[in-house]
């Protein structure tokens, strides 16, 4: 048994210190990045925010909206085998994820990214699967995960991954940390894995834990090359699901809802996700505009005129509280002045 006594941080543990800036407008900020990938040698340009590959948000309708902003869609896995043609236009902005038993299906993808997505990226079986996918698809841009440590990030890269997906348990509908006690504070995971990946000229995706545009900013500031969001896109018209009494369902891919939908029950696998109801939010386009506005504003606070330079301009400050909270004064007896 070992105890690591180093302080590790989540997004809620820090704020970014503002700095003097010569910028005069959010309109000066360029949020697009150009990434050249280690193994595929391909280049990609766009705004590096991606939808999670979850049933409710990884939909063709969401792809239409994200494409408008030159962002990336990760379709829900059930689209891979039979419904890939529903995702039309901007094929280079699609990242198709599958499991270790879906390598042959991923091999058929002609454009965009492909990837292997498992909850536990630490097994030898998974590393071997990444090697196999690279052998079968030598020219593809491959993502693989999930892991949360520098050593495993480098192992997956050396096995053939161009991009490593980082995050175990931070998602709003993931219960892995509760069910298993396994995990790693997400901001520290992003910082450490990004450092390891960039040393090999590879990239990472910060997957999970973002509940606001400020959290996305912190992920990019910590070194993430892409940020994946799920819950922030839930509850919109473009989501898969029905609207009832002003709410829509959103569930994790290891939840009972997902297992029932995809007939994925077995005797040894338990539930590590939950189903929640989120308030209806209307069109996703408005939410995306609000997210991008928040990121641009953050860049002006630290003098970063490009998303690429945000991490270089960032100083994190550890805090006890990152949010203002409304205070109720109804329990207080306020002093009164008697007027005669």
C-alpha atoms as a PDB file:
ATOM      1  CA  UNK A   1       0.000   0.000   0.000  1.00  0.00           C
ATOM      2  CA  UNK A   2       1.262   3.456  -0.961  1.00  0.00           C
ATOM      3  CA  UNK A   3      -0.009   6.940  -0.191  1.00  0.00           C
ATOM      4  CA  UNK A   4       0.718   9.786  -2.583  1.00  0.00           C
ATOM      5  CA  UNK A   5       0.632  12.906  -0.439  1.00  0.00           C
ATOM      6  CA  UNK A   6       0.979  15.383  -3.300  1.00  0.00           C
ATOM      7  CA  UNK A   7      -1.973  17.734  -3.641  1.00  0.00           C
ATOM      8  CA  UNK A   8      -4.114  16.909  -6.678  1.00  0.00           C
ATOM      9  CA  UNK A   9      -6.707  19.293  -8.064  1.00  0.00           C
ATOM     10  CA  UNK A  10     -10.123  19.281  -9.703  1.00  0.00           C
ATOM     11  CA  UNK A  11     -11.523  22.169 -11.733  1.00  0.00           C
ATOM     12  CA  UNK A  12     -13.403  23.398  -8.656  1.00  0.00           C
ATOM     13  CA  UNK A  13     -10.155  23.748  -6.693  1.00  0.00           C
ATOM     14  CA  UNK A  14      -8.692  26.584  -8.764  1.00  0.00           C
ATOM     15  CA  UNK A  15      -9.324  29.903 -10.439  1.00  0.00           C
ATOM     16  CA  UNK A  16      -7.169  31.589 -13.082  1.00  0.00           C
ATOM     17  CA  UNK A  17      -5.470  34.815 -12.057  1.00  0.00           C
ATOM     18  CA  UNK A  18      -6.156  37.754 -14.417  1.00  0.00           C
ATOM     19  CA  UNK A  19      -3.227  39.556 -16.015  1.00  0.00           C
ATOM     20  CA  UNK A  20      -2.629  42.843 -17.738  1.00  0.00           C
ATOM     21  CA  UNK A  21      -3.744  42.596 -21.352  1.00  0.00           C
ATOM     22  CA  UNK A  22      -3.409  44.710 -24.480  1.00  0.00           C
ATOM     23  CA  UNK A  23      -6.538  43.151 -25.960  1.00  0.00           C
ATOM     24  CA  UNK A  24      -9.604  45.346 -26.323  1.00  0.00           C
ATOM     25  CA  UNK A  25     -12.277  42.915 -27.492  1.00  0.00           C
ATOM     26  CA  UNK A  26     -13.328  39.271 -27.248  1.00  0.00           C
ATOM     27  CA  UNK A  27     -13.592  39.378 -31.029  1.00  0.00           C
ATOM     28  CA  UNK A  28      -9.792  39.390 -31.218  1.00  0.00           C
ATOM     29  CA  UNK A  29      -9.586  35.855 -29.810  1.00  0.00           C
ATOM     30  CA  UNK A  30      -9.049  32.969 -32.226  1.00  0.00           C
ATOM     31  CA  UNK A  31     -10.442  29.747 -30.753  1.00  0.00           C
ATOM     32  CA  UNK A  32      -9.367  27.497 -33.622  1.00  0.00           C
ATOM     33  CA  UNK A  33      -6.379  25.203 -33.265  1.00  0.00           C
ATOM     34  CA  UNK A  34      -4.372  23.284 -35.837  1.00  0.00           C
ATOM     35  CA  UNK A  35      -3.081  19.924 -34.635  1.00  0.00           C
ATOM     36  CA  UNK A  36      -0.651  17.675 -36.508  1.00  0.00           C
ATOM     37  CA  UNK A  37      -0.817  14.101 -35.290  1.00  0.00           C
ATOM     38  CA  UNK A  38       2.138  11.915 -34.435  1.00  0.00           C
ATOM     39  CA  UNK A  39       1.332   8.648 -36.202  1.00  0.00           C
ATOM     40  CA  UNK A  40      -1.192   9.548 -38.902  1.00  0.00           C
ATOM     41  CA  UNK A  41       0.794  12.666 -39.945  1.00  0.00           C
ATOM     42  CA  UNK A  42      -2.544  14.319 -40.686  1.00  0.00           C
ATOM     43  CA  UNK A  43      -3.534  17.851 -39.732  1.00  0.00           C
ATOM     44  CA  UNK A  44      -6.838  18.980 -38.285  1.00  0.00           C
ATOM     45  CA  UNK A  45      -8.085  22.542 -37.781  1.00  0.00           C
ATOM     46  CA  UNK A  46     -11.114  23.686 -35.844  1.00  0.00           C
ATOM     47  CA  UNK A  47     -12.421  24.540 -32.394  1.00  0.00           C
ATOM     48  CA  UNK A  48     -11.241  21.570 -30.304  1.00  0.00           C
ATOM     49  CA  UNK A  49     -14.395  20.941 -28.288  1.00  0.00           C
ATOM     50  CA  UNK A  50     -16.175  17.629 -28.842  1.00  0.00           C
ATOM     51  CA  UNK A  51     -19.451  16.053 -27.836  1.00  0.00           C
ATOM     52  CA  UNK A  52     -19.201  12.941 -25.695  1.00  0.00           C
ATOM     53  CA  UNK A  53     -19.887   9.643 -27.449  1.00  0.00           C
ATOM     54  CA  UNK A  54     -23.036   9.105 -25.398  1.00  0.00           C
ATOM     55  CA  UNK A  55     -26.506   8.021 -26.510  1.00  0.00           C
ATOM     56  CA  UNK A  56     -28.253  11.273 -25.709  1.00  0.00           C
ATOM     57  CA  UNK A  57     -25.754  13.807 -27.094  1.00  0.00           C
ATOM     58  CA  UNK A  58     -23.776  11.968 -29.804  1.00  0.00           C
ATOM     59  CA  UNK A  59     -26.527  12.374 -32.388  1.00  0.00           C
ATOM     60  CA  UNK A  60     -26.709  13.381 -36.070  1.00  0.00           C
ATOM     61  CA  UNK A  61     -28.637  16.534 -35.135  1.00  0.00           C
ATOM     62  CA  UNK A  62     -25.959  17.528 -32.643  1.00  0.00           C
ATOM     63  CA  UNK A  63     -23.336  16.976 -35.350  1.00  0.00           C
ATOM     64  CA  UNK A  64     -25.150  19.432 -37.606  1.00  0.00           C
ATOM     65  CA  UNK A  65     -24.961  22.134 -34.942  1.00  0.00           C
ATOM     66  CA  UNK A  66     -21.393  21.432 -33.861  1.00  0.00           C
ATOM     67  CA  UNK A  67     -20.232  21.402 -37.483  1.00  0.00           C
ATOM     68  CA  UNK A  68     -21.565  24.909 -37.880  1.00  0.00           C
ATOM     69  CA  UNK A  69     -19.019  26.004 -35.274  1.00  0.00           C
ATOM     70  CA  UNK A  70     -16.256  23.760 -36.657  1.00  0.00           C
ATOM     71  CA  UNK A  71     -16.349  21.559 -33.557  1.00  0.00           C
ATOM     72  CA  UNK A  72     -16.087  17.771 -33.261  1.00  0.00           C
ATOM     73  CA  UNK A  73     -18.849  15.198 -32.832  1.00  0.00           C
ATOM     74  CA  UNK A  74     -18.236  11.812 -31.241  1.00  0.00           C
ATOM     75  CA  UNK A  75     -21.268   9.728 -32.268  1.00  0.00           C
ATOM     76  CA  UNK A  76     -22.833   7.324 -29.818  1.00  0.00           C
ATOM     77  CA  UNK A  77     -21.334   3.896 -30.395  1.00  0.00           C
ATOM     78  CA  UNK A  78     -24.524   2.271 -31.642  1.00  0.00           C
ATOM     79  CA  UNK A  79     -24.340   4.414 -34.806  1.00  0.00           C
ATOM     80  CA  UNK A  80     -21.015   2.874 -35.858  1.00  0.00           C
ATOM     81  CA  UNK A  81     -22.269  -0.377 -37.353  1.00  0.00           C
ATOM     82  CA  UNK A  82     -25.540   0.516 -39.012  1.00  0.00           C
ATOM     83  CA  UNK A  83     -26.203   4.255 -39.048  1.00  0.00           C
ATOM     84  CA  UNK A  84     -22.936   6.044 -39.811  1.00  0.00           C
ATOM     85  CA  UNK A  85     -24.429   7.600 -42.954  1.00  0.00           C
ATOM     86  CA  UNK A  86     -26.792   9.660 -40.811  1.00  0.00           C
ATOM     87  CA  UNK A  87     -23.842  11.905 -39.923  1.00  0.00           C
ATOM     88  CA  UNK A  88     -23.607  14.092 -42.996  1.00  0.00           C
ATOM     89  CA  UNK A  89     -21.078  16.791 -43.821  1.00  0.00           C
ATOM     90  CA  UNK A  90     -17.851  17.756 -42.082  1.00  0.00           C
ATOM     91  CA  UNK A  91     -16.700  14.126 -41.925  1.00  0.00           C
ATOM     92  CA  UNK A  92     -13.266  15.265 -40.764  1.00  0.00           C
ATOM     93  CA  UNK A  93     -14.963  16.630 -37.640  1.00  0.00           C
ATOM     94  CA  UNK A  94     -16.255  13.242 -36.534  1.00  0.00           C
ATOM     95  CA  UNK A  95     -14.478  10.951 -34.085  1.00  0.00           C
ATOM     96  CA  UNK A  96     -15.840   7.406 -34.188  1.00  0.00           C
ATOM     97  CA  UNK A  97     -15.257   5.433 -30.998  1.00  0.00           C
ATOM     98  CA  UNK A  98     -15.658   1.704 -30.584  1.00  0.00           C
ATOM     99  CA  UNK A  99     -14.723  -1.025 -28.144  1.00  0.00           C
ATOM    100  CA  UNK A 100     -11.900  -3.541 -28.421  1.00  0.00           C
ATOM    101  CA  UNK A 101     -14.279  -5.912 -30.234  1.00  0.00           C
ATOM    102  CA  UNK A 102     -15.176  -3.314 -32.887  1.00  0.00           C
ATOM    103  CA  UNK A 103     -11.800  -2.845 -34.559  1.00  0.00           C
ATOM    104  CA  UNK A 104     -13.061  -4.241 -37.861  1.00  0.00           C
ATOM    105  CA  UNK A 105     -15.938  -1.737 -37.835  1.00  0.00           C
ATOM    106  CA  UNK A 106     -13.554   1.130 -37.133  1.00  0.00           C
ATOM    107  CA  UNK A 107     -11.358  -0.009 -40.003  1.00  0.00           C
ATOM    108  CA  UNK A 108     -14.222   0.811 -42.403  1.00  0.00           C
ATOM    109  CA  UNK A 109     -14.301   4.500 -41.383  1.00  0.00           C
ATOM    110  CA  UNK A 110     -12.941   6.521 -44.294  1.00  0.00           C
ATOM    111  CA  UNK A 111     -12.475   9.983 -42.749  1.00  0.00           C
ATOM    112  CA  UNK A 112     -12.232  11.859 -39.469  1.00  0.00           C
ATOM    113  CA  UNK A 113     -10.836  10.239 -36.341  1.00  0.00           C
ATOM    114  CA  UNK A 114     -11.288   6.754 -34.958  1.00  0.00           C
ATOM    115  CA  UNK A 115     -10.749   5.587 -31.418  1.00  0.00           C
ATOM    116  CA  UNK A 116     -10.965   2.873 -28.803  1.00  0.00           C
ATOM    117  CA  UNK A 117     -13.005   3.804 -25.759  1.00  0.00           C
ATOM    118  CA  UNK A 118     -13.071   1.745 -22.565  1.00  0.00           C
ATOM    119  CA  UNK A 119     -13.633   2.662 -18.933  1.00  0.00           C
ATOM    120  CA  UNK A 120     -10.311   1.145 -17.863  1.00  0.00           C
ATOM    121  CA  UNK A 121      -7.420   1.834 -20.221  1.00  0.00           C
ATOM    122  CA  UNK A 122      -4.850   0.226 -17.926  1.00  0.00           C
ATOM    123  CA  UNK A 123      -5.120  -3.370 -19.089  1.00  0.00           C
ATOM    124  CA  UNK A 124      -2.604  -5.144 -21.300  1.00  0.00           C
ATOM    125  CA  UNK A 125      -5.545  -6.278 -23.423  1.00  0.00           C
ATOM    126  CA  UNK A 126      -6.386  -2.661 -24.184  1.00  0.00           C
ATOM    127  CA  UNK A 127      -2.801  -1.729 -25.060  1.00  0.00           C
ATOM    128  CA  UNK A 128      -2.689  -4.703 -27.419  1.00  0.00           C
ATOM    129  CA  UNK A 129      -5.968  -3.552 -28.991  1.00  0.00           C
ATOM    130  CA  UNK A 130      -4.470  -0.114 -29.676  1.00  0.00           C
ATOM    131  CA  UNK A 131      -1.480  -1.773 -31.346  1.00  0.00           C
ATOM    132  CA  UNK A 132      -3.813  -3.929 -33.425  1.00  0.00           C
ATOM    133  CA  UNK A 133      -5.887  -0.940 -34.532  1.00  0.00           C
ATOM    134  CA  UNK A 134      -2.733   0.932 -35.548  1.00  0.00           C
ATOM    135  CA  UNK A 135      -1.540  -2.072 -37.557  1.00  0.00           C
ATOM    136  CA  UNK A 136      -4.872  -2.324 -39.375  1.00  0.00           C
ATOM    137  CA  UNK A 137      -5.244   1.443 -39.855  1.00  0.00           C
ATOM    138  CA  UNK A 138      -1.702   2.830 -40.260  1.00  0.00           C
ATOM    139  CA  UNK A 139      -2.856   6.153 -41.724  1.00  0.00           C
ATOM    140  CA  UNK A 140      -5.750   6.827 -39.361  1.00  0.00           C
ATOM    141  CA  UNK A 141      -5.777   9.391 -36.569  1.00  0.00           C
ATOM    142  CA  UNK A 142      -6.421   7.226 -33.509  1.00  0.00           C
ATOM    143  CA  UNK A 143      -7.656   8.228 -30.067  1.00  0.00           C
ATOM    144  CA  UNK A 144      -7.559   5.849 -27.098  1.00  0.00           C
ATOM    145  CA  UNK A 145      -8.571   5.902 -23.443  1.00  0.00           C
ATOM    146  CA  UNK A 146      -9.449   6.355 -20.724  1.00  0.00           C
ATOM    147  CA  UNK A 147      -6.449   6.846 -18.446  1.00  0.00           C
ATOM    148  CA  UNK A 148      -5.397   9.486 -15.903  1.00  0.00           C
ATOM    149  CA  UNK A 149      -1.641   9.104 -15.414  1.00  0.00           C
ATOM    150  CA  UNK A 150       1.449  10.115 -17.349  1.00  0.00           C
ATOM    151  CA  UNK A 151       2.957   6.633 -17.588  1.00  0.00           C
ATOM    152  CA  UNK A 152      -0.108   5.106 -19.191  1.00  0.00           C
ATOM    153  CA  UNK A 153      -0.565   8.095 -21.469  1.00  0.00           C
ATOM    154  CA  UNK A 154       2.884   7.459 -22.885  1.00  0.00           C
ATOM    155  CA  UNK A 155       2.286   3.724 -23.149  1.00  0.00           C
ATOM    156  CA  UNK A 156      -0.839   4.238 -25.262  1.00  0.00           C
ATOM    157  CA  UNK A 157       0.985   6.736 -27.472  1.00  0.00           C
ATOM    158  CA  UNK A 158       3.869   4.332 -28.023  1.00  0.00           C
ATOM    159  CA  UNK A 159       1.300   1.633 -28.832  1.00  0.00           C
ATOM    160  CA  UNK A 160      -0.015   3.784 -31.676  1.00  0.00           C
ATOM    161  CA  UNK A 161      -2.439   6.373 -30.280  1.00  0.00           C
ATOM    162  CA  UNK A 162      -2.258   9.917 -31.645  1.00  0.00           C
ATOM    163  CA  UNK A 163      -4.597  11.208 -28.943  1.00  0.00           C
ATOM    164  CA  UNK A 164      -5.161   9.905 -25.409  1.00  0.00           C
ATOM    165  CA  UNK A 165      -8.510  10.342 -23.686  1.00  0.00           C
ATOM    166  CA  UNK A 166      -8.032  11.435 -20.081  1.00  0.00           C
ATOM    167  CA  UNK A 167     -10.551  11.017 -17.268  1.00  0.00           C
ATOM    168  CA  UNK A 168     -11.799   8.309 -14.923  1.00  0.00           C
ATOM    169  CA  UNK A 169     -14.923   9.139 -12.996  1.00  0.00           C
ATOM    170  CA  UNK A 170     -15.294  12.947 -13.311  1.00  0.00           C
ATOM    171  CA  UNK A 171     -18.428  12.932 -15.499  1.00  0.00           C
ATOM    172  CA  UNK A 172     -21.731  14.122 -14.048  1.00  0.00           C
ATOM    173  CA  UNK A 173     -23.463  10.772 -14.692  1.00  0.00           C
ATOM    174  CA  UNK A 174     -20.481   8.528 -13.948  1.00  0.00           C
ATOM    175  CA  UNK A 175     -20.395   6.758 -10.587  1.00  0.00           C
ATOM    176  CA  UNK A 176     -17.051   4.962 -10.947  1.00  0.00           C
ATOM    177  CA  UNK A 177     -15.432   6.959  -8.148  1.00  0.00           C
ATOM    178  CA  UNK A 178     -18.320   6.100  -5.818  1.00  0.00           C
ATOM    179  CA  UNK A 179     -18.728   2.492  -6.895  1.00  0.00           C
ATOM    180  CA  UNK A 180     -15.041   1.548  -7.014  1.00  0.00           C
ATOM    181  CA  UNK A 181     -13.070   4.219  -5.171  1.00  0.00           C
ATOM    182  CA  UNK A 182     -10.925   4.593  -8.300  1.00  0.00           C
ATOM    183  CA  UNK A 183     -10.122   7.916  -9.945  1.00  0.00           C
ATOM    184  CA  UNK A 184      -7.883  10.962 -10.089  1.00  0.00           C
ATOM    185  CA  UNK A 185      -8.716  14.675  -9.753  1.00  0.00           C
ATOM    186  CA  UNK A 186      -9.380  15.784 -13.299  1.00  0.00           C
ATOM    187  CA  UNK A 187      -7.348  18.984 -13.567  1.00  0.00           C
ATOM    188  CA  UNK A 188      -4.223  17.285 -12.227  1.00  0.00           C
ATOM    189  CA  UNK A 189      -4.819  14.368 -14.580  1.00  0.00           C
ATOM    190  CA  UNK A 190      -5.064  16.768 -17.528  1.00  0.00           C
ATOM    191  CA  UNK A 191      -1.910  18.665 -16.552  1.00  0.00           C
ATOM    192  CA  UNK A 192       0.179  15.526 -16.000  1.00  0.00           C
ATOM    193  CA  UNK A 193      -1.093  13.592 -19.020  1.00  0.00           C
ATOM    194  CA  UNK A 194      -0.772  16.613 -21.308  1.00  0.00           C
ATOM    195  CA  UNK A 195       2.840  17.074 -20.238  1.00  0.00           C
ATOM    196  CA  UNK A 196       3.559  13.412 -20.950  1.00  0.00           C
ATOM    197  CA  UNK A 197       1.808  13.464 -24.334  1.00  0.00           C
ATOM    198  CA  UNK A 198       3.333  16.713 -25.542  1.00  0.00           C
ATOM    199  CA  UNK A 199       6.780  15.367 -24.757  1.00  0.00           C
ATOM    200  CA  UNK A 200       6.112  12.734 -27.425  1.00  0.00           C
ATOM    201  CA  UNK A 201       4.441  15.190 -29.846  1.00  0.00           C
ATOM    202  CA  UNK A 202       1.048  13.637 -29.172  1.00  0.00           C
ATOM    203  CA  UNK A 203      -2.248  15.039 -27.851  1.00  0.00           C
ATOM    204  CA  UNK A 204      -4.895  14.510 -25.189  1.00  0.00           C
ATOM    205  CA  UNK A 205      -8.642  14.878 -24.755  1.00  0.00           C
ATOM    206  CA  UNK A 206      -9.860  16.109 -21.367  1.00  0.00           C
ATOM    207  CA  UNK A 207     -12.929  13.906 -20.939  1.00  0.00           C
ATOM    208  CA  UNK A 208     -15.472  14.756 -18.263  1.00  0.00           C
ATOM    209  CA  UNK A 209     -15.911  17.022 -15.282  1.00  0.00           C
ATOM    210  CA  UNK A 210     -16.817  20.253 -17.081  1.00  0.00           C
ATOM    211  CA  UNK A 211     -20.033  21.840 -15.834  1.00  0.00           C
ATOM    212  CA  UNK A 212     -19.419  25.352 -17.155  1.00  0.00           C
ATOM    213  CA  UNK A 213     -17.457  27.220 -19.794  1.00  0.00           C
ATOM    214  CA  UNK A 214     -15.034  28.159 -17.012  1.00  0.00           C
ATOM    215  CA  UNK A 215     -14.197  24.486 -16.506  1.00  0.00           C
ATOM    216  CA  UNK A 216     -13.529  24.102 -20.223  1.00  0.00           C
ATOM    217  CA  UNK A 217     -11.188  27.091 -19.976  1.00  0.00           C
ATOM    218  CA  UNK A 218      -9.336  25.434 -17.075  1.00  0.00           C
ATOM    219  CA  UNK A 219      -8.971  22.217 -19.077  1.00  0.00           C
ATOM    220  CA  UNK A 220      -7.421  24.061 -22.012  1.00  0.00           C
ATOM    221  CA  UNK A 221      -5.289  26.117 -19.634  1.00  0.00           C
ATOM    222  CA  UNK A 222      -4.052  22.873 -18.080  1.00  0.00           C
ATOM    223  CA  UNK A 223      -2.791  21.682 -21.448  1.00  0.00           C
ATOM    224  CA  UNK A 224      -5.726  19.814 -22.993  1.00  0.00           C
ATOM    225  CA  UNK A 225      -5.699  19.741 -26.793  1.00  0.00           C
ATOM    226  CA  UNK A 226      -9.387  18.789 -26.966  1.00  0.00           C
ATOM    227  CA  UNK A 227     -12.151  18.998 -24.370  1.00  0.00           C
ATOM    228  CA  UNK A 228     -15.054  16.547 -24.407  1.00  0.00           C
ATOM    229  CA  UNK A 229     -18.409  17.569 -22.916  1.00  0.00           C
ATOM    230  CA  UNK A 230     -21.572  15.579 -22.327  1.00  0.00           C
ATOM    231  CA  UNK A 231     -23.809  17.012 -19.621  1.00  0.00           C
ATOM    232  CA  UNK A 232     -23.364  20.560 -20.917  1.00  0.00           C
ATOM    233  CA  UNK A 233     -24.988  19.449 -24.194  1.00  0.00           C
ATOM    234  CA  UNK A 234     -27.796  17.440 -22.576  1.00  0.00           C
ATOM    235  CA  UNK A 235     -31.399  18.615 -22.570  1.00  0.00           C
ATOM    236  CA  UNK A 236     -31.453  20.210 -26.019  1.00  0.00           C
ATOM    237  CA  UNK A 237     -33.647  19.723 -29.071  1.00  0.00           C
ATOM    238  CA  UNK A 238     -30.792  17.912 -30.801  1.00  0.00           C
ATOM    239  CA  UNK A 239     -30.528  15.257 -28.090  1.00  0.00           C
ATOM    240  CA  UNK A 240     -31.890  11.740 -28.307  1.00  0.00           C
ATOM    241  CA  UNK A 241     -34.860  11.419 -25.964  1.00  0.00           C
ATOM    242  CA  UNK A 242     -38.280  12.799 -25.242  1.00  0.00           C
ATOM    243  CA  UNK A 243     -39.285  15.977 -23.478  1.00  0.00           C
ATOM    244  CA  UNK A 244     -41.653  15.351 -20.574  1.00  0.00           C
ATOM    245  CA  UNK A 245     -42.778  17.964 -18.061  1.00  0.00           C
ATOM    246  CA  UNK A 246     -39.945  20.278 -19.009  1.00  0.00           C
ATOM    247  CA  UNK A 247     -37.128  17.752 -18.522  1.00  0.00           C
ATOM    248  CA  UNK A 248     -35.134  15.266 -20.606  1.00  0.00           C
ATOM    249  CA  UNK A 249     -33.214  12.190 -19.481  1.00  0.00           C
ATOM    250  CA  UNK A 250     -29.434  12.059 -19.576  1.00  0.00           C
ATOM    251  CA  UNK A 251     -27.560   8.906 -18.633  1.00  0.00           C
ATOM    252  CA  UNK A 252     -24.063   7.476 -18.425  1.00  0.00           C
ATOM    253  CA  UNK A 253     -22.977   4.717 -20.772  1.00  0.00           C
ATOM    254  CA  UNK A 254     -22.409   2.345 -17.845  1.00  0.00           C
ATOM    255  CA  UNK A 255     -25.827   3.095 -16.357  1.00  0.00           C
ATOM    256  CA  UNK A 256     -28.788   0.767 -16.105  1.00  0.00           C
ATOM    257  CA  UNK A 257     -30.528   2.823 -18.818  1.00  0.00           C
ATOM    258  CA  UNK A 258     -27.667   2.269 -21.288  1.00  0.00           C
ATOM    259  CA  UNK A 259     -27.296  -1.423 -20.442  1.00  0.00           C
ATOM    260  CA  UNK A 260     -31.008  -2.010 -20.920  1.00  0.00           C
ATOM    261  CA  UNK A 261     -31.132  -0.107 -24.211  1.00  0.00           C
ATOM    262  CA  UNK A 262     -28.171  -1.986 -25.689  1.00  0.00           C
ATOM    263  CA  UNK A 263     -28.815  -5.344 -24.002  1.00  0.00           C
ATOM    264  CA  UNK A 264     -25.429  -5.179 -22.325  1.00  0.00           C
ATOM    265  CA  UNK A 265     -26.091  -6.960 -19.038  1.00  0.00           C
ATOM    266  CA  UNK A 266     -23.922  -9.797 -17.769  1.00  0.00           C
ATOM    267  CA  UNK A 267     -23.274 -11.601 -14.507  1.00  0.00           C
ATOM    268  CA  UNK A 268     -19.985  -9.895 -13.606  1.00  0.00           C
ATOM    269  CA  UNK A 269     -20.496  -6.300 -14.693  1.00  0.00           C
ATOM    270  CA  UNK A 270     -22.215  -3.814 -12.400  1.00  0.00           C
ATOM    271  CA  UNK A 271     -23.678  -0.385 -12.948  1.00  0.00           C
ATOM    272  CA  UNK A 272     -21.180   2.496 -12.839  1.00  0.00           C
ATOM    273  CA  UNK A 273     -23.415   5.263 -14.125  1.00  0.00           C
ATOM    274  CA  UNK A 274     -26.704   6.927 -13.383  1.00  0.00           C
ATOM    275  CA  UNK A 275     -29.710   8.451 -15.116  1.00  0.00           C
ATOM    276  CA  UNK A 276     -30.693  12.028 -14.314  1.00  0.00           C
ATOM    277  CA  UNK A 277     -33.276  14.500 -15.521  1.00  0.00           C
ATOM    278  CA  UNK A 278     -32.042  17.805 -16.904  1.00  0.00           C
ATOM    279  CA  UNK A 279     -34.095  20.888 -17.598  1.00  0.00           C
ATOM    280  CA  UNK A 280     -35.036  21.486 -21.210  1.00  0.00           C
ATOM    281  CA  UNK A 281     -32.640  24.032 -22.725  1.00  0.00           C
ATOM    282  CA  UNK A 282     -33.966  24.601 -26.238  1.00  0.00           C
ATOM    283  CA  UNK A 283     -31.580  24.837 -29.176  1.00  0.00           C
ATOM    284  CA  UNK A 284     -28.012  23.647 -28.655  1.00  0.00           C
ATOM    285  CA  UNK A 285     -26.713  26.466 -30.839  1.00  0.00           C
ATOM    286  CA  UNK A 286     -27.478  29.043 -28.150  1.00  0.00           C
ATOM    287  CA  UNK A 287     -25.678  27.021 -25.479  1.00  0.00           C
ATOM    288  CA  UNK A 288     -22.648  26.565 -27.729  1.00  0.00           C
ATOM    289  CA  UNK A 289     -22.487  30.298 -28.450  1.00  0.00           C
ATOM    290  CA  UNK A 290     -22.583  30.968 -24.717  1.00  0.00           C
ATOM    291  CA  UNK A 291     -19.777  28.458 -24.086  1.00  0.00           C
ATOM    292  CA  UNK A 292     -17.571  29.979 -26.778  1.00  0.00           C
ATOM    293  CA  UNK A 293     -18.272  33.472 -25.463  1.00  0.00           C
ATOM    294  CA  UNK A 294     -17.083  32.413 -22.012  1.00  0.00           C
ATOM    295  CA  UNK A 295     -13.862  30.968 -23.412  1.00  0.00           C
ATOM    296  CA  UNK A 296     -13.161  34.112 -25.439  1.00  0.00           C
ATOM    297  CA  UNK A 297     -13.777  36.267 -22.380  1.00  0.00           C
ATOM    298  CA  UNK A 298     -11.337  34.167 -20.327  1.00  0.00           C
ATOM    299  CA  UNK A 299      -8.662  34.626 -22.979  1.00  0.00           C
ATOM    300  CA  UNK A 300      -9.024  38.422 -22.789  1.00  0.00           C
ATOM    301  CA  UNK A 301      -8.552  38.321 -19.008  1.00  0.00           C
ATOM    302  CA  UNK A 302      -5.091  36.757 -19.393  1.00  0.00           C
ATOM    303  CA  UNK A 303      -4.010  38.327 -22.679  1.00  0.00           C
ATOM    304  CA  UNK A 304      -4.245  35.220 -24.853  1.00  0.00           C
ATOM    305  CA  UNK A 305      -5.315  36.236 -28.346  1.00  0.00           C
ATOM    306  CA  UNK A 306      -5.296  32.584 -29.422  1.00  0.00           C
ATOM    307  CA  UNK A 307      -6.535  29.476 -27.649  1.00  0.00           C
ATOM    308  CA  UNK A 308      -3.114  27.999 -28.368  1.00  0.00           C
ATOM    309  CA  UNK A 309      -1.413  30.480 -26.026  1.00  0.00           C
ATOM    310  CA  UNK A 310      -3.923  30.207 -23.165  1.00  0.00           C
ATOM    311  CA  UNK A 311      -1.907  27.682 -21.160  1.00  0.00           C
ATOM    312  CA  UNK A 312       1.238  29.826 -21.427  1.00  0.00           C
ATOM    313  CA  UNK A 313      -0.686  32.816 -20.064  1.00  0.00           C
ATOM    314  CA  UNK A 314      -2.281  30.911 -17.178  1.00  0.00           C
ATOM    315  CA  UNK A 315      -1.481  31.053 -13.490  1.00  0.00           C
ATOM    316  CA  UNK A 316      -3.769  28.840 -11.417  1.00  0.00           C
ATOM    317  CA  UNK A 317      -4.705  29.965  -7.930  1.00  0.00           C
ATOM    318  CA  UNK A 318      -5.846  27.382  -5.392  1.00  0.00           C
ATOM    319  CA  UNK A 319      -9.105  28.395  -3.712  1.00  0.00           C
ATOM    320  CA  UNK A 320     -11.704  27.039  -1.314  1.00  0.00           C
ATOM    321  CA  UNK A 321     -14.647  28.249  -3.363  1.00  0.00           C
ATOM    322  CA  UNK A 322     -14.948  29.062  -7.055  1.00  0.00           C
ATOM    323  CA  UNK A 323     -18.595  30.096  -7.246  1.00  0.00           C
ATOM    324  CA  UNK A 324     -20.669  32.892  -5.852  1.00  0.00           C
ATOM    325  CA  UNK A 325     -23.673  31.548  -3.982  1.00  0.00           C
ATOM    326  CA  UNK A 326     -26.938  33.240  -3.209  1.00  0.00           C
ATOM    327  CA  UNK A 327     -27.394  33.946   0.492  1.00  0.00           C
ATOM    328  CA  UNK A 328     -30.807  33.826   2.100  1.00  0.00           C
ATOM    329  CA  UNK A 329     -31.407  36.561   4.626  1.00  0.00           C
ATOM    330  CA  UNK A 330     -34.859  35.385   5.663  1.00  0.00           C
ATOM    331  CA  UNK A 331     -33.492  33.901   8.886  1.00  0.00           C
ATOM    332  CA  UNK A 332     -31.871  37.156   9.984  1.00  0.00           C
ATOM    333  CA  UNK A 333     -33.464  39.806  12.170  1.00  0.00           C
ATOM    334  CA  UNK A 334     -32.520  43.046  10.499  1.00  0.00           C
ATOM    335  CA  UNK A 335     -32.155  46.179  12.619  1.00  0.00           C
ATOM    336  CA  UNK A 336     -35.034  48.601  12.288  1.00  0.00           C
ATOM    337  CA  UNK A 337     -35.274  52.289  12.967  1.00  0.00           C
ATOM    338  CA  UNK A 338     -38.388  53.563  14.617  1.00  0.00           C
ATOM    339  CA  UNK A 339     -39.742  56.695  13.031  1.00  0.00           C
ATOM    340  CA  UNK A 340     -41.698  58.910  15.425  1.00  0.00           C
END
